[in-house]
Amino acid sequence: MGNHQDIGGMVRFNRQKAGLTQVGLANLAGIGKTAVFDIENNKPSVQCDTLKKVLRALNIQITFQSPLMNSYRKTLDEKSPD
């Protein structure tokens, strides 16, 4: 996995910079310590919801990009009620 895609490394870096242990982050995110370990080691079976809890606890935002993203957003705007 390239550095730009190393979610586990990014989580570990942010956790350490925040002065949190794996247990501390797990408690903050409301998950088990094993889940933090699995995320930091890029285990492929980590549930999306668990990852989102950890990212939220570390104040990390996910941004989606694609050549069609503007068209997708436009369809969402058209569907939203006034």
PDB file of N, CA and C in Angstrom:
ATOM      1  N   MET A   1       0.850  -1.185   0.000  1.00  0.00           N
ATOM      2  CA  MET A   1       0.000   0.000   0.000  1.00  0.00           C
ATOM      3  C   MET A   1       0.891   1.242   0.000  1.00  0.00           C
ATOM      4  N   GLY A   2       0.634   2.196  -0.871  1.00  0.00           N
ATOM      5  CA  GLY A   2       1.426   3.424  -0.927  1.00  0.00           C
ATOM      6  C   GLY A   2       1.164   4.320   0.265  1.00  0.00           C
ATOM      7  N   ASN A   3       2.078   5.231   0.516  1.00  0.00           N
ATOM      8  CA  ASN A   3       1.950   6.122   1.669  1.00  0.00           C
ATOM      9  C   ASN A   3       0.658   6.924   1.640  1.00  0.00           C
ATOM     10  N   HIS A   4       0.228   7.343   0.457  1.00  0.00           N
ATOM     11  CA  HIS A   4      -0.986   8.153   0.367  1.00  0.00           C
ATOM     12  C   HIS A   4      -2.236   7.341   0.673  1.00  0.00           C
ATOM     13  N   GLN A   5      -2.118   6.021   0.703  1.00  0.00           N
ATOM     14  CA  GLN A   5      -3.276   5.176   0.981  1.00  0.00           C
ATOM     15  C   GLN A   5      -3.150   4.448   2.312  1.00  0.00           C
ATOM     16  N   ASP A   6      -2.155   4.771   3.106  1.00  0.00           N
ATOM     17  CA  ASP A   6      -1.909   4.067   4.358  1.00  0.00           C
ATOM     18  C   ASP A   6      -2.794   4.633   5.466  1.00  0.00           C
ATOM     19  N   ILE A   7      -4.033   4.186   5.497  1.00  0.00           N
ATOM     20  CA  ILE A   7      -4.980   4.678   6.490  1.00  0.00           C
ATOM     21  C   ILE A   7      -4.500   4.328   7.891  1.00  0.00           C
ATOM     22  N   GLY A   8      -3.996   3.116   8.063  1.00  0.00           N
ATOM     23  CA  GLY A   8      -3.517   2.697   9.366  1.00  0.00           C
ATOM     24  C   GLY A   8      -2.399   3.576   9.892  1.00  0.00           C
ATOM     25  N   GLY A   9      -1.455   3.895   9.017  1.00  0.00           N
ATOM     26  CA  GLY A   9      -0.346   4.770   9.419  1.00  0.00           C
ATOM     27  C   GLY A   9      -0.829   6.165   9.758  1.00  0.00           C
ATOM     28  N   MET A  10      -1.795   6.659   9.010  1.00  0.00           N
ATOM     29  CA  MET A  10      -2.346   7.987   9.270  1.00  0.00           C
ATOM     30  C   MET A  10      -3.057   8.008  10.622  1.00  0.00           C
ATOM     31  N   VAL A  11      -3.825   6.962  10.901  1.00  0.00           N
ATOM     32  CA  VAL A  11      -4.523   6.877  12.188  1.00  0.00           C
ATOM     33  C   VAL A  11      -3.508   6.807  13.321  1.00  0.00           C
ATOM     34  N   ARG A  12      -2.480   5.960  13.187  1.00  0.00           N
ATOM     35  CA  ARG A  12      -1.453   5.832  14.225  1.00  0.00           C
ATOM     36  C   ARG A  12      -0.762   7.179  14.467  1.00  0.00           C
ATOM     37  N   PHE A  13      -0.377   7.855  13.389  1.00  0.00           N
ATOM     38  CA  PHE A  13       0.299   9.143  13.504  1.00  0.00           C
ATOM     39  C   PHE A  13      -0.560  10.149  14.257  1.00  0.00           C
ATOM     40  N   ASN A  14      -1.819  10.261  13.852  1.00  0.00           N
ATOM     41  CA  ASN A  14      -2.730  11.219  14.503  1.00  0.00           C
ATOM     42  C   ASN A  14      -2.999  10.846  15.952  1.00  0.00           C
ATOM     43  N   ARG A  15      -3.137   9.562  16.218  1.00  0.00           N
ATOM     44  CA  ARG A  15      -3.368   9.109  17.591  1.00  0.00           C
ATOM     45  C   ARG A  15      -2.183   9.480  18.478  1.00  0.00           C
ATOM     46  N   GLN A  16      -0.972   9.205  17.989  1.00  0.00           N
ATOM     47  CA  GLN A  16       0.225   9.496  18.773  1.00  0.00           C
ATOM     48  C   GLN A  16       0.399  10.998  18.974  1.00  0.00           C
ATOM     49  N   LYS A  17       0.159  11.790  17.947  1.00  0.00           N
ATOM     50  CA  LYS A  17       0.271  13.247  18.063  1.00  0.00           C
ATOM     51  C   LYS A  17      -0.765  13.802  19.034  1.00  0.00           C
ATOM     52  N   ALA A  18      -1.893  13.112  19.164  1.00  0.00           N
ATOM     53  CA  ALA A  18      -2.930  13.530  20.110  1.00  0.00           C
ATOM     54  C   ALA A  18      -2.613  13.054  21.529  1.00  0.00           C
ATOM     55  N   GLY A  19      -1.528  12.298  21.680  1.00  0.00           N
ATOM     56  CA  GLY A  19      -1.137  11.812  23.000  1.00  0.00           C
ATOM     57  C   GLY A  19      -2.020  10.689  23.518  1.00  0.00           C
ATOM     58  N   LEU A  20      -2.614   9.935  22.593  1.00  0.00           N
ATOM     59  CA  LEU A  20      -3.519   8.858  22.977  1.00  0.00           C
ATOM     60  C   LEU A  20      -2.864   7.494  22.815  1.00  0.00           C
ATOM     61  N   THR A  21      -3.162   6.591  23.718  1.00  0.00           N
ATOM     62  CA  THR A  21      -2.802   5.193  23.537  1.00  0.00           C
ATOM     63  C   THR A  21      -3.885   4.553  22.675  1.00  0.00           C
ATOM     64  N   GLN A  22      -3.644   3.321  22.242  1.00  0.00           N
ATOM     65  CA  GLN A  22      -4.684   2.616  21.494  1.00  0.00           C
ATOM     66  C   GLN A  22      -5.930   2.441  22.357  1.00  0.00           C
ATOM     67  N   VAL A  23      -5.727   2.151  23.639  1.00  0.00           N
ATOM     68  CA  VAL A  23      -6.860   1.996  24.553  1.00  0.00           C
ATOM     69  C   VAL A  23      -7.601   3.325  24.711  1.00  0.00           C
ATOM     70  N   GLY A  24      -6.850   4.418  24.835  1.00  0.00           N
ATOM     71  CA  GLY A  24      -7.470   5.735  24.972  1.00  0.00           C
ATOM     72  C   GLY A  24      -8.295   6.103  23.760  1.00  0.00           C
ATOM     73  N   LEU A  25      -7.764   5.835  22.566  1.00  0.00           N
ATOM     74  CA  LEU A  25      -8.515   6.117  21.342  1.00  0.00           C
ATOM     75  C   LEU A  25      -9.747   5.221  21.258  1.00  0.00           C
ATOM     76  N   ALA A  26      -9.584   3.964  21.615  1.00  0.00           N
ATOM     77  CA  ALA A  26     -10.719   3.040  21.584  1.00  0.00           C
ATOM     78  C   ALA A  26     -11.832   3.538  22.496  1.00  0.00           C
ATOM     79  N   ASN A  27     -11.468   3.971  23.693  1.00  0.00           N
ATOM     80  CA  ASN A  27     -12.473   4.488  24.625  1.00  0.00           C
ATOM     81  C   ASN A  27     -13.142   5.740  24.073  1.00  0.00           C
ATOM     82  N   LEU A  28     -12.350   6.632  23.496  1.00  0.00           N
ATOM     83  CA  LEU A  28     -12.882   7.874  22.930  1.00  0.00           C
ATOM     84  C   LEU A  28     -13.847   7.589  21.777  1.00  0.00           C
ATOM     85  N   ALA A  29     -13.512   6.591  20.974  1.00  0.00           N
ATOM     86  CA  ALA A  29     -14.334   6.250  19.809  1.00  0.00           C
ATOM     87  C   ALA A  29     -15.483   5.306  20.159  1.00  0.00           C
ATOM     88  N   GLY A  30     -15.451   4.727  21.347  1.00  0.00           N
ATOM     89  CA  GLY A  30     -16.512   3.803  21.735  1.00  0.00           C
ATOM     90  C   GLY A  30     -16.392   2.442  21.076  1.00  0.00           C
ATOM     91  N   ILE A  31     -15.148   2.004  20.865  1.00  0.00           N
ATOM     92  CA  ILE A  31     -14.899   0.697  20.242  1.00  0.00           C
ATOM     93  C   ILE A  31     -13.877  -0.056  21.081  1.00  0.00           C
ATOM     94  N   GLY A  32     -13.566  -1.282  20.689  1.00  0.00           N
ATOM     95  CA  GLY A  32     -12.570  -2.070  21.404  1.00  0.00           C
ATOM     96  C   GLY A  32     -11.153  -1.751  20.955  1.00  0.00           C
ATOM     97  N   LYS A  33     -10.191  -2.014  21.834  1.00  0.00           N
ATOM     98  CA  LYS A  33      -8.779  -1.764  21.526  1.00  0.00           C
ATOM     99  C   LYS A  33      -8.314  -2.571  20.316  1.00  0.00           C
ATOM    100  N   THR A  34      -8.829  -3.791  20.196  1.00  0.00           N
ATOM    101  CA  THR A  34      -8.437  -4.639  19.068  1.00  0.00           C
ATOM    102  C   THR A  34      -8.790  -3.984  17.737  1.00  0.00           C
ATOM    103  N   ALA A  35      -9.901  -3.274  17.694  1.00  0.00           N
ATOM    104  CA  ALA A  35     -10.311  -2.598  16.459  1.00  0.00           C
ATOM    105  C   ALA A  35      -9.317  -1.514  16.085  1.00  0.00           C
ATOM    106  N   VAL A  36      -8.803  -0.766  17.070  1.00  0.00           N
ATOM    107  CA  VAL A  36      -7.793   0.264  16.789  1.00  0.00           C
ATOM    108  C   VAL A  36      -6.534  -0.409  16.263  1.00  0.00           C
ATOM    109  N   PHE A  37      -6.116  -1.490  16.897  1.00  0.00           N
ATOM    110  CA  PHE A  37      -4.942  -2.240  16.446  1.00  0.00           C
ATOM    111  C   PHE A  37      -5.138  -2.701  14.998  1.00  0.00           C
ATOM    112  N   ASP A  38      -6.309  -3.246  14.703  1.00  0.00           N
ATOM    113  CA  ASP A  38      -6.594  -3.734  13.352  1.00  0.00           C
ATOM    114  C   ASP A  38      -6.550  -2.607  12.322  1.00  0.00           C
ATOM    115  N   ILE A  39      -7.110  -1.462  12.668  1.00  0.00           N
ATOM    116  CA  ILE A  39      -7.087  -0.315  11.750  1.00  0.00           C
ATOM    117  C   ILE A  39      -5.658   0.126  11.499  1.00  0.00           C
ATOM    118  N   GLU A  40      -4.881   0.268  12.568  1.00  0.00           N
ATOM    119  CA  GLU A  40      -3.495   0.743  12.425  1.00  0.00           C
ATOM    120  C   GLU A  40      -2.628  -0.243  11.648  1.00  0.00           C
ATOM    121  N   ASN A  41      -3.042  -1.489  11.596  1.00  0.00           N
ATOM    122  CA  ASN A  41      -2.303  -2.501  10.847  1.00  0.00           C
ATOM    123  C   ASN A  41      -2.964  -2.838   9.511  1.00  0.00           C
ATOM    124  N   ASN A  42      -3.868  -1.961   9.087  1.00  0.00           N
ATOM    125  CA  ASN A  42      -4.532  -2.069   7.786  1.00  0.00           C
ATOM    126  C   ASN A  42      -5.188  -3.431   7.550  1.00  0.00           C
ATOM    127  N   LYS A  43      -5.786  -3.986   8.591  1.00  0.00           N
ATOM    128  CA  LYS A  43      -6.473  -5.260   8.443  1.00  0.00           C
ATOM    129  C   LYS A  43      -7.697  -5.056   7.546  1.00  0.00           C
ATOM    130  N   PRO A  44      -7.835  -5.843   6.493  1.00  0.00           N
ATOM    131  CA  PRO A  44      -8.908  -5.598   5.521  1.00  0.00           C
ATOM    132  C   PRO A  44     -10.312  -5.869   6.033  1.00  0.00           C
ATOM    133  N   SER A  45     -10.460  -6.563   7.148  1.00  0.00           N
ATOM    134  CA  SER A  45     -11.800  -6.907   7.628  1.00  0.00           C
ATOM    135  C   SER A  45     -12.411  -5.870   8.572  1.00  0.00           C
ATOM    136  N   VAL A  46     -11.759  -4.719   8.744  1.00  0.00           N
ATOM    137  CA  VAL A  46     -12.292  -3.674   9.624  1.00  0.00           C
ATOM    138  C   VAL A  46     -13.601  -3.153   9.040  1.00  0.00           C
ATOM    139  N   GLN A  47     -14.611  -3.041   9.886  1.00  0.00           N
ATOM    140  CA  GLN A  47     -15.909  -2.549   9.425  1.00  0.00           C
ATOM    141  C   GLN A  47     -15.851  -1.044   9.184  1.00  0.00           C
ATOM    142  N   CYS A  48     -16.535  -0.605   8.168  1.00  0.00           N
ATOM    143  CA  CYS A  48     -16.561   0.807   7.788  1.00  0.00           C
ATOM    144  C   CYS A  48     -17.043   1.679   8.941  1.00  0.00           C
ATOM    145  N   ASP A  49     -18.073   1.250   9.644  1.00  0.00           N
ATOM    146  CA  ASP A  49     -18.616   2.026  10.749  1.00  0.00           C
ATOM    147  C   ASP A  49     -17.577   2.206  11.866  1.00  0.00           C
ATOM    148  N   THR A  50     -16.791   1.174  12.120  1.00  0.00           N
ATOM    149  CA  THR A  50     -15.743   1.245  13.141  1.00  0.00           C
ATOM    150  C   THR A  50     -14.672   2.241  12.723  1.00  0.00           C
ATOM    151  N   LEU A  51     -14.266   2.183  11.467  1.00  0.00           N
ATOM    152  CA  LEU A  51     -13.274   3.127  10.959  1.00  0.00           C
ATOM    153  C   LEU A  51     -13.796   4.552  11.062  1.00  0.00           C
ATOM    154  N   LYS A  52     -15.062   4.767  10.725  1.00  0.00           N
ATOM    155  CA  LYS A  52     -15.643   6.108  10.804  1.00  0.00           C
ATOM    156  C   LYS A  52     -15.637   6.640  12.234  1.00  0.00           C
ATOM    157  N   LYS A  53     -15.887   5.789  13.216  1.00  0.00           N
ATOM    158  CA  LYS A  53     -15.848   6.207  14.613  1.00  0.00           C
ATOM    159  C   LYS A  53     -14.448   6.668  15.013  1.00  0.00           C
ATOM    160  N   VAL A  54     -13.437   5.937  14.573  1.00  0.00           N
ATOM    161  CA  VAL A  54     -12.049   6.295  14.894  1.00  0.00           C
ATOM    162  C   VAL A  54     -11.674   7.607  14.212  1.00  0.00           C
ATOM    163  N   LEU A  55     -12.009   7.744  12.952  1.00  0.00           N
ATOM    164  CA  LEU A  55     -11.686   8.975  12.227  1.00  0.00           C
ATOM    165  C   LEU A  55     -12.391  10.168  12.861  1.00  0.00           C
ATOM    166  N   ARG A  56     -13.634   9.991  13.267  1.00  0.00           N
ATOM    167  CA  ARG A  56     -14.387  11.064  13.916  1.00  0.00           C
ATOM    168  C   ARG A  56     -13.720  11.448  15.240  1.00  0.00           C
ATOM    169  N   ALA A  57     -13.281  10.455  16.017  1.00  0.00           N
ATOM    170  CA  ALA A  57     -12.639  10.722  17.306  1.00  0.00           C
ATOM    171  C   ALA A  57     -11.329  11.487  17.131  1.00  0.00           C
ATOM    172  N   LEU A  58     -10.654  11.264  16.007  1.00  0.00           N
ATOM    173  CA  LEU A  58      -9.386  11.954  15.736  1.00  0.00           C
ATOM    174  C   LEU A  58      -9.577  13.228  14.913  1.00  0.00           C
ATOM    175  N   ASN A  59     -10.825  13.559  14.611  1.00  0.00           N
ATOM    176  CA  ASN A  59     -11.145  14.747  13.814  1.00  0.00           C
ATOM    177  C   ASN A  59     -10.520  14.675  12.418  1.00  0.00           C
ATOM    178  N   ILE A  60     -10.577  13.491  11.824  1.00  0.00           N
ATOM    179  CA  ILE A  60     -10.085  13.270  10.460  1.00  0.00           C
ATOM    180  C   ILE A  60     -11.302  13.175   9.551  1.00  0.00           C
ATOM    181  N   GLN A  61     -11.303  13.946   8.485  1.00  0.00           N
ATOM    182  CA  GLN A  61     -12.421  13.931   7.551  1.00  0.00           C
ATOM    183  C   GLN A  61     -12.060  13.158   6.296  1.00  0.00           C
ATOM    184  N   ILE A  62     -13.037  12.468   5.748  1.00  0.00           N
ATOM    185  CA  ILE A  62     -12.870  11.737   4.493  1.00  0.00           C
ATOM    186  C   ILE A  62     -13.423  12.607   3.367  1.00  0.00           C
ATOM    187  N   THR A  63     -12.665  12.717   2.295  1.00  0.00           N
ATOM    188  CA  THR A  63     -13.112  13.463   1.124  1.00  0.00           C
ATOM    189  C   THR A  63     -13.089  12.527  -0.085  1.00  0.00           C
ATOM    190  N   PHE A  64     -14.190  12.470  -0.800  1.00  0.00           N
ATOM    191  CA  PHE A  64     -14.267  11.648  -1.992  1.00  0.00           C
ATOM    192  C   PHE A  64     -14.042  12.519  -3.219  1.00  0.00           C
ATOM    193  N   GLN A  65     -13.220  12.016  -4.127  1.00  0.00           N
ATOM    194  CA  GLN A  65     -12.943  12.752  -5.356  1.00  0.00           C
ATOM    195  C   GLN A  65     -13.077  11.807  -6.546  1.00  0.00           C
ATOM    196  N   SER A  66     -13.650  12.319  -7.603  1.00  0.00           N
ATOM    197  CA  SER A  66     -13.718  11.593  -8.866  1.00  0.00           C
ATOM    198  C   SER A  66     -14.041  12.603  -9.957  1.00  0.00           C
ATOM    199  N   PRO A  67     -13.776  12.250 -11.194  1.00  0.00           N
ATOM    200  CA  PRO A  67     -14.110  13.166 -12.289  1.00  0.00           C
ATOM    201  C   PRO A  67     -15.607  13.448 -12.383  1.00  0.00           C
ATOM    202  N   LEU A  68     -16.430  12.577 -11.815  1.00  0.00           N
ATOM    203  CA  LEU A  68     -17.879  12.738 -11.902  1.00  0.00           C
ATOM    204  C   LEU A  68     -18.498  13.327 -10.640  1.00  0.00           C
ATOM    205  N   MET A  69     -17.680  13.726  -9.677  1.00  0.00           N
ATOM    206  CA  MET A  69     -18.214  14.177  -8.393  1.00  0.00           C
ATOM    207  C   MET A  69     -19.135  15.392  -8.532  1.00  0.00           C
ATOM    208  N   ASN A  70     -18.794  16.337  -9.383  1.00  0.00           N
ATOM    209  CA  ASN A  70     -19.654  17.511  -9.561  1.00  0.00           C
ATOM    210  C   ASN A  70     -21.014  17.124 -10.125  1.00  0.00           C
ATOM    211  N   SER A  71     -21.040  16.184 -11.061  1.00  0.00           N
ATOM    212  CA  SER A  71     -22.309  15.710 -11.614  1.00  0.00           C
ATOM    213  C   SER A  71     -23.124  14.997 -10.546  1.00  0.00           C
ATOM    214  N   TYR A  72     -22.453  14.206  -9.712  1.00  0.00           N
ATOM    215  CA  TYR A  72     -23.137  13.506  -8.629  1.00  0.00           C
ATOM    216  C   TYR A  72     -23.765  14.497  -7.654  1.00  0.00           C
ATOM    217  N   ARG A  73     -23.008  15.503  -7.264  1.00  0.00           N
ATOM    218  CA  ARG A  73     -23.542  16.512  -6.339  1.00  0.00           C
ATOM    219  C   ARG A  73     -24.734  17.240  -6.947  1.00  0.00           C
ATOM    220  N   LYS A  74     -24.676  17.490  -8.244  1.00  0.00           N
ATOM    221  CA  LYS A  74     -25.779  18.165  -8.922  1.00  0.00           C
ATOM    222  C   LYS A  74     -27.046  17.315  -8.861  1.00  0.00           C
ATOM    223  N   THR A  75     -26.922  15.995  -9.036  1.00  0.00           N
ATOM    224  CA  THR A  75     -28.102  15.135  -8.949  1.00  0.00           C
ATOM    225  C   THR A  75     -28.666  15.132  -7.539  1.00  0.00           C
ATOM    226  N   LEU A  76     -27.796  15.234  -6.535  1.00  0.00           N
ATOM    227  CA  LEU A  76     -28.272  15.310  -5.145  1.00  0.00           C
ATOM    228  C   LEU A  76     -29.031  16.606  -4.913  1.00  0.00           C
ATOM    229  N   ASP A  77     -28.516  17.702  -5.462  1.00  0.00           N
ATOM    230  CA  ASP A  77     -29.186  18.998  -5.313  1.00  0.00           C
ATOM    231  C   ASP A  77     -30.558  18.989  -5.978  1.00  0.00           C
ATOM    232  N   GLU A  78     -30.661  18.303  -7.106  1.00  0.00           N
ATOM    233  CA  GLU A  78     -31.937  18.242  -7.826  1.00  0.00           C
ATOM    234  C   GLU A  78     -32.969  17.418  -7.058  1.00  0.00           C
ATOM    235  N   LYS A  79     -32.495  16.432  -6.276  1.00  0.00           N
ATOM    236  CA  LYS A  79     -33.396  15.553  -5.525  1.00  0.00           C
ATOM    237  C   LYS A  79     -33.823  16.165  -4.195  1.00  0.00           C
ATOM    238  N   SER A  80     -33.062  17.127  -3.682  1.00  0.00           N
ATOM    239  CA  SER A  80     -33.373  17.669  -2.352  1.00  0.00           C
ATOM    240  C   SER A  80     -34.614  18.558  -2.426  1.00  0.00           C
ATOM    241  N   PRO A  81     -35.492  18.430  -1.415  1.00  0.00           N
ATOM    242  CA  PRO A  81     -36.714  19.243  -1.389  1.00  0.00           C
ATOM    243  C   PRO A  81     -36.374  20.700  -1.087  1.00  0.00           C
ATOM    244  N   ASP A  82     -37.181  21.591  -1.610  1.00  0.00           N
ATOM    245  CA  ASP A  82     -36.956  23.037  -1.394  1.00  0.00           C
ATOM    246  C   ASP A  82     -37.390  23.491  -0.044  1.00  0.00           C
TER     247      ASP A  82
END
